[in-house]
Amino acid sequence: MPDNLTAFIAQSEKPTPVVLVCPGGSYSWLDWETEGIGVARWLQSEGITAFVLRYRVQGVASFVTHYRLLFRGHQYPDALEDANTALRYIQKNAKVLNIDTDKIGMMGFSAGGHLTAQVAQKAKESNVKLSFAVPVYPVVTMINEPYVHKRSRRALLGEWRKQKQKWRKEMSLELHTHSEMPPVFLVNCIDDPIVHYHNSELLDSALTASGVVHEYHQYKTGGHGFGADSTKAGQEAIQWKAAFIEWMKAL
C-alpha cells in the first residue's frame, strides 16, 4: 500500500463500497484528525472501506516565511496526481481489498472538497474510475473575487500563477462541470466563516446546468471544519451524514 494512504477496512463477506477521504487545510496543511481519521472511522462503521489520503500540500512554513517566493513547493498538479494514483491503486487491488469496483467514491472537505470535485471533472482524461464525489463545504471558485478563498488559491497555484487569469479559470470548478461527471453529493453551511457559502451555490448551479446527477444540502448553521464530528457540526449540519448514506445506497 502507498505510504500516503491510511486504510480503514470494513469487515464484510461481500465486496464493500470504498471512499477516498481528502482532509482540508487550504492546500497548506491537512486536518488529519477531524476531516481524515474521524471521517474514515465513521465510514468504516457504516460498512464502507475508507482510505485517508495524505496528499501533497504547500506546507505551513511557506506562509510564515518568504520560502514560497524562492521555491516552488507542492503546488498544482501534485495533489491531483496523488489522488489519481490512490484511486488507481484502489481499483487495481479491489479484489484483495474486498472492494466493489462499481462503488468507488471520493469525499473531501474544504480544499479537499476542491480536489475531490476536480478529480471528478478530470476522471475520464486521467483514466480513473470514480462512481461518486462528495465535496463538503468545498473551495470552488478561484476567479470570482468576492468569494475566493485566497489562501487556498495561493497555496495551490503559487505566488506567480495565482496572478494569471488563465490559471484562475483553470482551477475554478464552476467553469468545468460537464455531463460525463459522476454523481455528486454537495454539502455546505450558510454561516461558514472560512469558505464563503456562495462557492457551493456556484458549483450547484454549474452542475445543474451541465445535467450532472447531484444532490445539494445547504444548512443554515454548522460553520466549517466539522467533518463527521457532531459536536463541531451541531444538530443541523450533522444531518449530512445520514443524508449521504441514504443517497449513496440509492445510487
C-alpha atoms as a PDB file:
ATOM      1  CA  MET A   1       0.000   0.000   0.000  1.00  0.00           C
ATOM      2  CA  PRO A   2       1.294   3.508  -0.797  1.00  0.00           C
ATOM      3  CA  ASP A   3       2.796   5.337   2.193  1.00  0.00           C
ATOM      4  CA  ASN A   4       0.374   8.246   1.816  1.00  0.00           C
ATOM      5  CA  LEU A   5      -2.740   6.080   2.338  1.00  0.00           C
ATOM      6  CA  THR A   6      -4.167   5.076   5.713  1.00  0.00           C
ATOM      7  CA  ALA A   7      -6.707   2.258   5.454  1.00  0.00           C
ATOM      8  CA  PHE A   8      -9.881   1.622   7.432  1.00  0.00           C
ATOM      9  CA  ILE A   9     -11.168  -1.687   6.087  1.00  0.00           C
ATOM     10  CA  ALA A  10     -14.837  -2.523   6.605  1.00  0.00           C
ATOM     11  CA  GLN A  11     -15.427  -6.133   7.613  1.00  0.00           C
ATOM     12  CA  SER A  12     -17.843  -7.839   5.238  1.00  0.00           C
ATOM     13  CA  GLU A  13     -18.184 -11.100   3.347  1.00  0.00           C
ATOM     14  CA  LYS A  14     -19.397  -9.184   0.295  1.00  0.00           C
ATOM     15  CA  PRO A  15     -17.365  -6.524  -1.552  1.00  0.00           C
ATOM     16  CA  THR A  16     -17.866  -3.144   0.103  1.00  0.00           C
ATOM     17  CA  PRO A  17     -18.110   0.412  -1.203  1.00  0.00           C
ATOM     18  CA  VAL A  18     -14.934   2.436  -0.759  1.00  0.00           C
ATOM     19  CA  VAL A  19     -14.316   6.144  -0.218  1.00  0.00           C
ATOM     20  CA  LEU A  20     -11.031   8.007  -0.649  1.00  0.00           C
ATOM     21  CA  VAL A  21     -11.068  10.704   2.051  1.00  0.00           C
ATOM     22  CA  CYS A  22      -9.277  14.023   1.460  1.00  0.00           C
ATOM     23  CA  PRO A  23      -8.912  16.270   4.520  1.00  0.00           C
ATOM     24  CA  GLY A  24      -8.966  20.022   4.099  1.00  0.00           C
ATOM     25  CA  GLY A  25      -6.380  22.607   5.087  1.00  0.00           C
ATOM     26  CA  SER A  26      -6.223  25.320   2.423  1.00  0.00           C
ATOM     27  CA  TYR A  27      -3.800  23.227   0.330  1.00  0.00           C
ATOM     28  CA  SER A  28      -1.324  24.245   3.045  1.00  0.00           C
ATOM     29  CA  TRP A  29      -1.767  21.551   5.701  1.00  0.00           C
ATOM     30  CA  LEU A  30      -4.148  18.657   6.383  1.00  0.00           C
ATOM     31  CA  ASP A  31      -6.813  18.476   9.091  1.00  0.00           C
ATOM     32  CA  TRP A  32      -5.828  14.876   9.651  1.00  0.00           C
ATOM     33  CA  GLU A  33      -7.869  14.060  12.754  1.00  0.00           C
ATOM     34  CA  THR A  34     -11.288  15.672  12.206  1.00  0.00           C
ATOM     35  CA  GLU A  35     -11.579  15.565   8.417  1.00  0.00           C
ATOM     36  CA  GLY A  36      -9.415  12.498   7.914  1.00  0.00           C
ATOM     37  CA  ILE A  37      -9.322   9.842  10.637  1.00  0.00           C
ATOM     38  CA  GLY A  38     -12.665  10.849  12.166  1.00  0.00           C
ATOM     39  CA  VAL A  39     -14.446  10.657   8.824  1.00  0.00           C
ATOM     40  CA  ALA A  40     -12.822   7.342   7.907  1.00  0.00           C
ATOM     41  CA  ARG A  41     -13.864   5.727  11.206  1.00  0.00           C
ATOM     42  CA  TRP A  42     -17.449   6.847  10.668  1.00  0.00           C
ATOM     43  CA  LEU A  43     -17.495   5.435   7.133  1.00  0.00           C
ATOM     44  CA  GLN A  44     -15.992   2.173   8.363  1.00  0.00           C
ATOM     45  CA  SER A  45     -18.754   1.921  10.979  1.00  0.00           C
ATOM     46  CA  GLU A  46     -21.260   2.196   8.117  1.00  0.00           C
ATOM     47  CA  GLY A  47     -19.736  -0.769   6.298  1.00  0.00           C
ATOM     48  CA  ILE A  48     -17.723   1.403   3.888  1.00  0.00           C
ATOM     49  CA  THR A  49     -13.987   0.903   3.471  1.00  0.00           C
ATOM     50  CA  ALA A  50     -12.131   4.207   3.676  1.00  0.00           C
ATOM     51  CA  PHE A  51      -8.647   5.351   2.746  1.00  0.00           C
ATOM     52  CA  VAL A  52      -7.398   8.688   4.069  1.00  0.00           C
ATOM     53  CA  LEU A  53      -5.091  10.388   1.574  1.00  0.00           C
ATOM     54  CA  ARG A  54      -2.099  12.401   2.745  1.00  0.00           C
ATOM     55  CA  TYR A  55      -1.819  14.399  -0.460  1.00  0.00           C
ATOM     56  CA  ARG A  56       0.995  16.875  -1.015  1.00  0.00           C
ATOM     57  CA  VAL A  57       0.400  20.428   0.181  1.00  0.00           C
ATOM     58  CA  GLN A  58       2.378  23.648   0.277  1.00  0.00           C
ATOM     59  CA  GLY A  59       3.184  23.499   4.000  1.00  0.00           C
ATOM     60  CA  VAL A  60       2.560  25.979   6.801  1.00  0.00           C
ATOM     61  CA  ALA A  61       6.154  27.221   6.720  1.00  0.00           C
ATOM     62  CA  SER A  62       5.631  28.719   3.271  1.00  0.00           C
ATOM     63  CA  PHE A  63       3.206  31.243   4.728  1.00  0.00           C
ATOM     64  CA  VAL A  64       5.179  32.341   7.754  1.00  0.00           C
ATOM     65  CA  THR A  65       8.424  32.814   5.824  1.00  0.00           C
ATOM     66  CA  HIS A  66       9.378  34.014   2.342  1.00  0.00           C
ATOM     67  CA  TYR A  67      10.110  30.420   1.340  1.00  0.00           C
ATOM     68  CA  ARG A  68       7.277  30.439  -1.179  1.00  0.00           C
ATOM     69  CA  LEU A  69       8.926  33.247  -3.136  1.00  0.00           C
ATOM     70  CA  LEU A  70      12.106  31.220  -3.698  1.00  0.00           C
ATOM     71  CA  PHE A  71      10.980  27.619  -4.090  1.00  0.00           C
ATOM     72  CA  ARG A  72       8.037  26.028  -5.846  1.00  0.00           C
ATOM     73  CA  GLY A  73       6.926  23.768  -3.019  1.00  0.00           C
ATOM     74  CA  HIS A  74       3.957  21.470  -3.610  1.00  0.00           C
ATOM     75  CA  GLN A  75       1.516  23.134  -5.981  1.00  0.00           C
ATOM     76  CA  TYR A  76      -0.892  22.057  -8.689  1.00  0.00           C
ATOM     77  CA  PRO A  77      -0.929  19.348 -10.017  1.00  0.00           C
ATOM     78  CA  ASP A  78       0.787  17.500  -7.142  1.00  0.00           C
ATOM     79  CA  ALA A  79      -2.353  16.893  -5.078  1.00  0.00           C
ATOM     80  CA  LEU A  80      -4.324  15.878  -8.162  1.00  0.00           C
ATOM     81  CA  GLU A  81      -1.659  13.348  -9.121  1.00  0.00           C
ATOM     82  CA  ASP A  82      -1.686  11.924  -5.584  1.00  0.00           C
ATOM     83  CA  ALA A  83      -5.456  11.463  -5.672  1.00  0.00           C
ATOM     84  CA  ASN A  84      -5.430   9.814  -9.087  1.00  0.00           C
ATOM     85  CA  THR A  85      -2.599   7.476  -8.066  1.00  0.00           C
ATOM     86  CA  ALA A  86      -4.562   6.459  -4.961  1.00  0.00           C
ATOM     87  CA  LEU A  87      -7.719   5.749  -6.980  1.00  0.00           C
ATOM     88  CA  ARG A  88      -5.754   3.627  -9.448  1.00  0.00           C
ATOM     89  CA  TYR A  89      -4.265   1.659  -6.547  1.00  0.00           C
ATOM     90  CA  ILE A  90      -7.719   1.045  -5.057  1.00  0.00           C
ATOM     91  CA  GLN A  91      -9.146  -0.114  -8.362  1.00  0.00           C
ATOM     92  CA  LYS A  92      -6.163  -2.339  -9.181  1.00  0.00           C
ATOM     93  CA  ASN A  93      -6.293  -4.039  -5.769  1.00  0.00           C
ATOM     94  CA  ALA A  94     -10.070  -4.190  -5.429  1.00  0.00           C
ATOM     95  CA  LYS A  95     -10.227  -7.968  -5.163  1.00  0.00           C
ATOM     96  CA  VAL A  96      -7.623  -8.183  -2.401  1.00  0.00           C
ATOM     97  CA  LEU A  97      -9.224  -5.260  -0.556  1.00  0.00           C
ATOM     98  CA  ASN A  98     -12.738  -6.750  -0.961  1.00  0.00           C
ATOM     99  CA  ILE A  99     -13.976  -3.627  -2.750  1.00  0.00           C
ATOM    100  CA  ASP A 100     -16.937  -3.228  -5.100  1.00  0.00           C
ATOM    101  CA  THR A 101     -15.461  -1.526  -8.175  1.00  0.00           C
ATOM    102  CA  ASP A 102     -18.868  -0.062  -9.041  1.00  0.00           C
ATOM    103  CA  LYS A 103     -18.861   1.857  -5.757  1.00  0.00           C
ATOM    104  CA  ILE A 104     -15.582   3.765  -5.675  1.00  0.00           C
ATOM    105  CA  GLY A 105     -16.140   7.232  -4.256  1.00  0.00           C
ATOM    106  CA  MET A 106     -14.174  10.239  -3.105  1.00  0.00           C
ATOM    107  CA  MET A 107     -15.006  12.627  -0.257  1.00  0.00           C
ATOM    108  CA  GLY A 108     -13.189  15.855   0.506  1.00  0.00           C
ATOM    109  CA  PHE A 109     -13.508  18.783   2.863  1.00  0.00           C
ATOM    110  CA  SER A 110     -12.774  22.445   2.130  1.00  0.00           C
ATOM    111  CA  ALA A 111      -9.640  22.399  -0.083  1.00  0.00           C
ATOM    112  CA  GLY A 112     -10.020  18.619  -0.103  1.00  0.00           C
ATOM    113  CA  GLY A 113     -13.507  19.234  -1.491  1.00  0.00           C
ATOM    114  CA  HIS A 114     -11.977  21.257  -4.305  1.00  0.00           C
ATOM    115  CA  LEU A 115      -9.595  18.380  -5.013  1.00  0.00           C
ATOM    116  CA  THR A 116     -12.482  15.885  -4.939  1.00  0.00           C
ATOM    117  CA  ALA A 117     -14.594  17.812  -7.430  1.00  0.00           C
ATOM    118  CA  GLN A 118     -11.602  18.413  -9.677  1.00  0.00           C
ATOM    119  CA  VAL A 119     -10.834  14.691  -9.779  1.00  0.00           C
ATOM    120  CA  ALA A 120     -14.479  14.083 -10.710  1.00  0.00           C
ATOM    121  CA  GLN A 121     -14.231  16.609 -13.542  1.00  0.00           C
ATOM    122  CA  LYS A 122     -10.994  15.140 -14.888  1.00  0.00           C
ATOM    123  CA  ALA A 123     -11.676  11.442 -14.202  1.00  0.00           C
ATOM    124  CA  LYS A 124     -12.074  10.423 -17.828  1.00  0.00           C
ATOM    125  CA  GLU A 125      -8.951  12.189 -19.088  1.00  0.00           C
ATOM    126  CA  SER A 126      -6.992  10.919 -16.071  1.00  0.00           C
ATOM    127  CA  ASN A 127      -8.179   7.358 -16.710  1.00  0.00           C
ATOM    128  CA  VAL A 128      -9.513   6.817 -13.185  1.00  0.00           C
ATOM    129  CA  LYS A 129     -12.794   5.219 -12.176  1.00  0.00           C
ATOM    130  CA  LEU A 130     -14.961   7.282  -9.849  1.00  0.00           C
ATOM    131  CA  SER A 131     -18.549   6.316  -9.041  1.00  0.00           C
ATOM    132  CA  PHE A 132     -19.448   9.365  -6.936  1.00  0.00           C
ATOM    133  CA  ALA A 133     -17.912  12.506  -5.452  1.00  0.00           C
ATOM    134  CA  VAL A 134     -18.714  14.215  -2.137  1.00  0.00           C
ATOM    135  CA  PRO A 135     -17.366  17.765  -1.731  1.00  0.00           C
ATOM    136  CA  VAL A 136     -18.192  19.093   1.755  1.00  0.00           C
ATOM    137  CA  TYR A 137     -18.022  22.886   2.290  1.00  0.00           C
ATOM    138  CA  PRO A 138     -15.648  22.962  -0.714  1.00  0.00           C
ATOM    139  CA  VAL A 139     -13.414  25.685  -2.069  1.00  0.00           C
ATOM    140  CA  VAL A 140     -14.807  26.177  -5.594  1.00  0.00           C
ATOM    141  CA  THR A 141     -14.003  29.426  -7.360  1.00  0.00           C
ATOM    142  CA  MET A 142     -10.542  30.882  -7.940  1.00  0.00           C
ATOM    143  CA  ILE A 143     -11.721  33.749 -10.116  1.00  0.00           C
ATOM    144  CA  ASN A 144     -14.977  35.137  -8.665  1.00  0.00           C
ATOM    145  CA  GLU A 145     -13.215  37.553  -6.317  1.00  0.00           C
ATOM    146  CA  PRO A 146     -15.878  38.213  -3.664  1.00  0.00           C
ATOM    147  CA  TYR A 147     -15.968  34.502  -2.872  1.00  0.00           C
ATOM    148  CA  VAL A 148     -12.378  33.332  -3.467  1.00  0.00           C
ATOM    149  CA  HIS A 149     -10.632  31.577  -0.602  1.00  0.00           C
ATOM    150  CA  LYS A 150      -7.340  33.329  -1.262  1.00  0.00           C
ATOM    151  CA  ARG A 151      -5.169  31.176   0.983  1.00  0.00           C
ATOM    152  CA  SER A 152      -6.162  28.051  -0.966  1.00  0.00           C
ATOM    153  CA  ARG A 153      -5.600  29.784  -4.285  1.00  0.00           C
ATOM    154  CA  ARG A 154      -2.159  30.991  -3.294  1.00  0.00           C
ATOM    155  CA  ALA A 155      -1.089  27.578  -1.992  1.00  0.00           C
ATOM    156  CA  LEU A 156      -2.488  25.683  -4.987  1.00  0.00           C
ATOM    157  CA  LEU A 157      -1.095  27.961  -7.703  1.00  0.00           C
ATOM    158  CA  GLY A 158       1.868  29.650  -6.064  1.00  0.00           C
ATOM    159  CA  GLU A 159       2.805  33.328  -5.941  1.00  0.00           C
ATOM    160  CA  TRP A 160       3.236  33.674  -9.698  1.00  0.00           C
ATOM    161  CA  ARG A 161       0.492  31.536 -11.247  1.00  0.00           C
ATOM    162  CA  LYS A 162      -2.120  32.898  -8.855  1.00  0.00           C
ATOM    163  CA  GLN A 163      -1.893  36.236 -10.704  1.00  0.00           C
ATOM    164  CA  LYS A 164      -2.708  34.696 -14.088  1.00  0.00           C
ATOM    165  CA  GLN A 165      -6.313  34.700 -15.265  1.00  0.00           C
ATOM    166  CA  LYS A 166      -5.615  31.527 -17.233  1.00  0.00           C
ATOM    167  CA  TRP A 167      -4.796  29.586 -14.066  1.00  0.00           C
ATOM    168  CA  ARG A 168      -7.549  31.152 -12.001  1.00  0.00           C
ATOM    169  CA  LYS A 169     -10.055  29.995 -14.612  1.00  0.00           C
ATOM    170  CA  GLU A 170      -8.444  26.555 -14.921  1.00  0.00           C
ATOM    171  CA  MET A 171      -8.825  25.952 -11.164  1.00  0.00           C
ATOM    172  CA  SER A 172     -12.380  27.350 -10.863  1.00  0.00           C
ATOM    173  CA  LEU A 173     -14.639  24.310 -10.589  1.00  0.00           C
ATOM    174  CA  GLU A 174     -17.801  26.106 -11.664  1.00  0.00           C
ATOM    175  CA  LEU A 175     -16.296  26.661 -15.118  1.00  0.00           C
ATOM    176  CA  HIS A 176     -15.509  22.992 -15.809  1.00  0.00           C
ATOM    177  CA  THR A 177     -18.575  20.909 -14.978  1.00  0.00           C
ATOM    178  CA  HIS A 178     -19.752  18.547 -17.740  1.00  0.00           C
ATOM    179  CA  SER A 179     -22.340  15.871 -18.332  1.00  0.00           C
ATOM    180  CA  GLU A 180     -19.922  12.928 -18.011  1.00  0.00           C
ATOM    181  CA  MET A 181     -19.093  13.658 -14.377  1.00  0.00           C
ATOM    182  CA  PRO A 182     -20.084  11.043 -11.777  1.00  0.00           C
ATOM    183  CA  PRO A 183     -22.945  11.821  -9.348  1.00  0.00           C
ATOM    184  CA  VAL A 184     -22.128  14.499  -6.773  1.00  0.00           C
ATOM    185  CA  PHE A 185     -23.302  14.952  -3.175  1.00  0.00           C
ATOM    186  CA  LEU A 186     -22.630  18.561  -2.147  1.00  0.00           C
ATOM    187  CA  VAL A 187     -22.782  19.987   1.391  1.00  0.00           C
ATOM    188  CA  ASN A 188     -22.187  23.392   2.961  1.00  0.00           C
ATOM    189  CA  CYS A 189     -23.444  25.866   5.582  1.00  0.00           C
ATOM    190  CA  ILE A 190     -24.557  29.458   5.144  1.00  0.00           C
ATOM    191  CA  ASP A 191     -22.716  30.550   8.310  1.00  0.00           C
ATOM    192  CA  ASP A 192     -19.374  29.194   7.062  1.00  0.00           C
ATOM    193  CA  PRO A 193     -16.760  31.741   8.269  1.00  0.00           C
ATOM    194  CA  ILE A 194     -13.886  30.333   6.200  1.00  0.00           C
ATOM    195  CA  VAL A 195     -15.129  29.475   2.696  1.00  0.00           C
ATOM    196  CA  HIS A 196     -17.996  31.707   1.553  1.00  0.00           C
ATOM    197  CA  TYR A 197     -21.167  29.674   1.126  1.00  0.00           C
ATOM    198  CA  HIS A 198     -21.607  31.059  -2.394  1.00  0.00           C
ATOM    199  CA  ASN A 199     -18.799  28.729  -3.502  1.00  0.00           C
ATOM    200  CA  SER A 200     -21.126  25.739  -3.179  1.00  0.00           C
ATOM    201  CA  GLU A 201     -24.001  27.629  -4.769  1.00  0.00           C
ATOM    202  CA  LEU A 202     -21.818  28.318  -7.798  1.00  0.00           C
ATOM    203  CA  LEU A 203     -20.974  24.629  -8.075  1.00  0.00           C
ATOM    204  CA  ASP A 204     -24.585  23.574  -7.597  1.00  0.00           C
ATOM    205  CA  SER A 205     -25.740  25.901 -10.392  1.00  0.00           C
ATOM    206  CA  ALA A 206     -22.984  24.669 -12.721  1.00  0.00           C
ATOM    207  CA  LEU A 207     -23.799  21.013 -12.029  1.00  0.00           C
ATOM    208  CA  THR A 208     -27.468  21.700 -12.748  1.00  0.00           C
ATOM    209  CA  ALA A 209     -26.659  23.495 -15.993  1.00  0.00           C
ATOM    210  CA  SER A 210     -24.459  20.583 -17.107  1.00  0.00           C
ATOM    211  CA  GLY A 211     -27.060  17.960 -16.261  1.00  0.00           C
ATOM    212  CA  VAL A 212     -24.908  16.251 -13.639  1.00  0.00           C
ATOM    213  CA  VAL A 213     -26.835  13.982 -11.266  1.00  0.00           C
ATOM    214  CA  HIS A 214     -26.348  15.582  -7.865  1.00  0.00           C
ATOM    215  CA  GLU A 215     -27.893  16.397  -4.518  1.00  0.00           C
ATOM    216  CA  TYR A 216     -27.197  19.639  -2.681  1.00  0.00           C
ATOM    217  CA  HIS A 217     -27.644  20.016   1.083  1.00  0.00           C
ATOM    218  CA  GLN A 218     -27.252  23.539   2.418  1.00  0.00           C
ATOM    219  CA  TYR A 219     -27.651  24.159   6.140  1.00  0.00           C
ATOM    220  CA  LYS A 220     -28.103  27.473   7.945  1.00  0.00           C
ATOM    221  CA  THR A 221     -25.743  26.606  10.766  1.00  0.00           C
ATOM    222  CA  GLY A 222     -22.708  24.386  11.190  1.00  0.00           C
ATOM    223  CA  GLY A 223     -19.845  26.596  10.112  1.00  0.00           C
ATOM    224  CA  HIS A 224     -16.719  24.992   8.698  1.00  0.00           C
ATOM    225  CA  GLY A 225     -14.288  22.214   9.524  1.00  0.00           C
ATOM    226  CA  PHE A 226     -16.658  19.844  11.297  1.00  0.00           C
ATOM    227  CA  GLY A 227     -16.070  16.721   9.204  1.00  0.00           C
ATOM    228  CA  ALA A 228     -18.178  13.930  10.693  1.00  0.00           C
ATOM    229  CA  ASP A 229     -17.955  15.295  14.258  1.00  0.00           C
ATOM    230  CA  SER A 230     -21.408  16.030  15.675  1.00  0.00           C
ATOM    231  CA  THR A 231     -20.028  18.173  18.498  1.00  0.00           C
ATOM    232  CA  LYS A 232     -18.437  20.517  15.947  1.00  0.00           C
ATOM    233  CA  ALA A 233     -21.231  20.475  13.377  1.00  0.00           C
ATOM    234  CA  GLY A 234     -24.223  20.867  15.671  1.00  0.00           C
ATOM    235  CA  GLN A 235     -27.641  19.269  15.315  1.00  0.00           C
ATOM    236  CA  GLU A 236     -28.500  20.758  11.925  1.00  0.00           C
ATOM    237  CA  ALA A 237     -25.393  20.280   9.783  1.00  0.00           C
ATOM    238  CA  ILE A 238     -24.586  16.809  11.134  1.00  0.00           C
ATOM    239  CA  GLN A 239     -27.663  15.581   9.291  1.00  0.00           C
ATOM    240  CA  TRP A 240     -25.486  15.475   6.186  1.00  0.00           C
ATOM    241  CA  LYS A 241     -24.066  12.130   7.317  1.00  0.00           C
ATOM    242  CA  ALA A 242     -27.381  10.258   7.312  1.00  0.00           C
ATOM    243  CA  ALA A 243     -28.412  12.036   4.107  1.00  0.00           C
ATOM    244  CA  PHE A 244     -25.216  10.914   2.380  1.00  0.00           C
ATOM    245  CA  ILE A 245     -25.624   7.266   3.425  1.00  0.00           C
ATOM    246  CA  GLU A 246     -29.193   7.258   2.142  1.00  0.00           C
ATOM    247  CA  TRP A 247     -28.115   8.917  -1.135  1.00  0.00           C
ATOM    248  CA  MET A 248     -25.219   6.517  -1.679  1.00  0.00           C
ATOM    249  CA  LYS A 249     -27.408   3.451  -1.124  1.00  0.00           C
ATOM    250  CA  ALA A 250     -29.905   4.802  -3.682  1.00  0.00           C
ATOM    251  CA  LEU A 251     -27.290   5.243  -6.423  1.00  0.00           C
END
